[in-house]
Protein backbone atom coordinates (compact mmCIF):
# COMPACT_ATOMS: atom_id res chain seq x y z
CA MET A 1 0.00 0.00 0.00
CA GLY A 2 2.80 2.43 0.89
CA SER A 3 4.37 1.81 -2.50
CA TYR A 4 1.22 2.97 -4.28
CA VAL A 5 1.08 6.22 -2.27
CA GLU A 6 4.77 6.84 -2.84
CA GLN A 7 4.37 6.26 -6.57
CA ALA A 8 1.35 8.59 -6.70
CA ARG A 9 3.35 11.33 -4.96
CA GLU A 10 6.26 10.84 -7.32
CA ASN A 11 3.94 11.07 -10.36
CA HIS A 12 2.37 14.21 -8.90
CA VAL A 13 5.81 15.80 -8.53
CA LYS A 14 6.70 14.79 -12.08
CA LYS A 15 3.49 16.41 -13.36
CA LYS A 16 4.23 19.60 -11.42
CA VAL A 17 7.78 19.70 -12.79
CA GLU A 18 6.51 19.14 -16.33
CA GLU A 19 3.91 21.89 -15.93
CA ALA A 20 6.64 24.26 -14.70
CA LEU A 21 8.90 23.33 -17.61
CA ARG A 22 6.05 23.85 -20.10
CA SER A 23 5.35 27.25 -18.58
CA LYS A 24 9.03 28.18 -18.80
CA MET A 25 9.13 26.95 -22.42
CA LYS A 26 6.10 29.08 -23.37
CA ALA A 27 7.51 32.17 -21.68
CA LYS A 28 10.81 31.76 -23.51
CA ALA A 29 8.97 31.29 -26.81
CA LEU A 30 6.93 34.45 -26.33
CA ASN A 31 10.10 36.34 -25.47
CA GLU A 32 11.98 34.98 -28.49
CA CYS A 33 9.05 35.72 -30.83
CA ASP A 34 8.31 39.17 -29.40
CA GLN A 35 8.51 40.90 -32.78
CA TYR A 36 5.84 38.58 -34.20
CA VAL A 37 3.68 38.98 -31.10
CA SER A 38 3.87 42.76 -31.56
CA LYS A 39 2.97 42.56 -35.26
CA TYR A 40 -0.02 40.34 -34.52
CA ALA A 41 -1.18 42.51 -31.64
CA GLU A 42 -0.88 45.62 -33.80
CA CYS A 43 -2.93 44.00 -36.55
CA ALA A 44 -5.55 42.72 -34.10
CA THR A 45 -6.03 46.02 -32.28
CA GLY A 46 -9.56 47.32 -32.73
CA ARG A 47 -10.79 44.22 -34.53
CA THR A 48 -13.13 41.46 -33.43
CA PHE A 49 -14.19 38.80 -35.92
CA SER A 50 -12.24 40.24 -38.85
CA VAL A 51 -8.96 39.50 -37.05
CA VAL A 52 -9.23 35.90 -38.31
CA TRP A 53 -8.85 36.77 -41.97
CA THR A 54 -7.24 40.21 -41.76
CA CYS A 55 -4.33 39.08 -39.57
CA ARG A 56 -3.90 35.60 -41.04
CA LYS A 57 -0.36 36.33 -42.27
CA GLN A 58 0.77 37.70 -38.90
CA ALA A 59 -0.83 34.78 -37.06
CA LYS A 60 0.93 32.28 -39.30
CA GLU A 61 4.30 34.00 -38.79
CA LEU A 62 3.75 34.05 -35.02
CA ASN A 63 2.74 30.38 -34.88
CA THR A 64 5.73 29.37 -37.01
CA CYS A 65 8.07 31.21 -34.67
CA LEU A 66 6.41 29.86 -31.52
CA HIS A 67 6.56 26.29 -32.80
CA GLN A 68 10.37 26.50 -33.01
CA PHE A 69 10.48 27.00 -29.24
CA THR A 70 7.44 24.96 -28.13
CA ASN A 71 7.60 21.42 -29.39
CA ASP A 72 8.20 17.97 -27.91
CA LYS A 73 11.90 17.99 -28.77
CA VAL A 74 12.45 21.24 -26.86
CA LEU A 75 10.44 19.96 -23.88
CA GLU A 76 12.41 16.70 -23.77
CA GLU A 77 15.67 18.67 -23.82
CA MET A 78 14.44 20.84 -20.95
CA LYS A 79 13.48 17.71 -18.99
CA ARG A 80 16.92 16.23 -19.61
CA GLU A 81 18.63 19.42 -18.40
CA TYR A 82 16.38 19.46 -15.33
CA MET A 83 17.30 15.86 -14.47
CA ILE A 84 21.01 16.66 -14.83
CA GLN A 85 20.60 19.64 -12.48
CA GLU A 86 18.71 17.53 -9.96
CA GLU A 87 21.36 14.80 -10.07
CA GLY A 88 24.00 17.48 -9.49
CA LYS A 89 22.12 18.78 -6.44
CA ILE A 90 21.81 15.26 -5.04
CA SER A 91 25.50 14.56 -5.66
CA ALA A 92 26.51 17.85 -4.04
CA SER A 93 24.36 17.24 -0.96
CA THR A 94 25.78 13.75 -0.40
CA ALA A 95 29.39 14.79 -0.89
């Protein structure tokens, strides 16, 4: 029984870490693609429904840029770096 609870806690931590990494990934992407965010925002200002077709080009450019920084490969790399950091912390605390 204790094993199940321990495993559930570990999975919960893993989910929290992944959520934090996803959030960090999105923030970095928005920062890296700031010029495209600005262009899209400028186009969308004052529009409602027409933003869909009027700003299509800007939306496509923004999405293309964002996808470079928010994909599974990037997330896996961030997870790998996180694990290396955690192993370093564990090694340092036991030394």
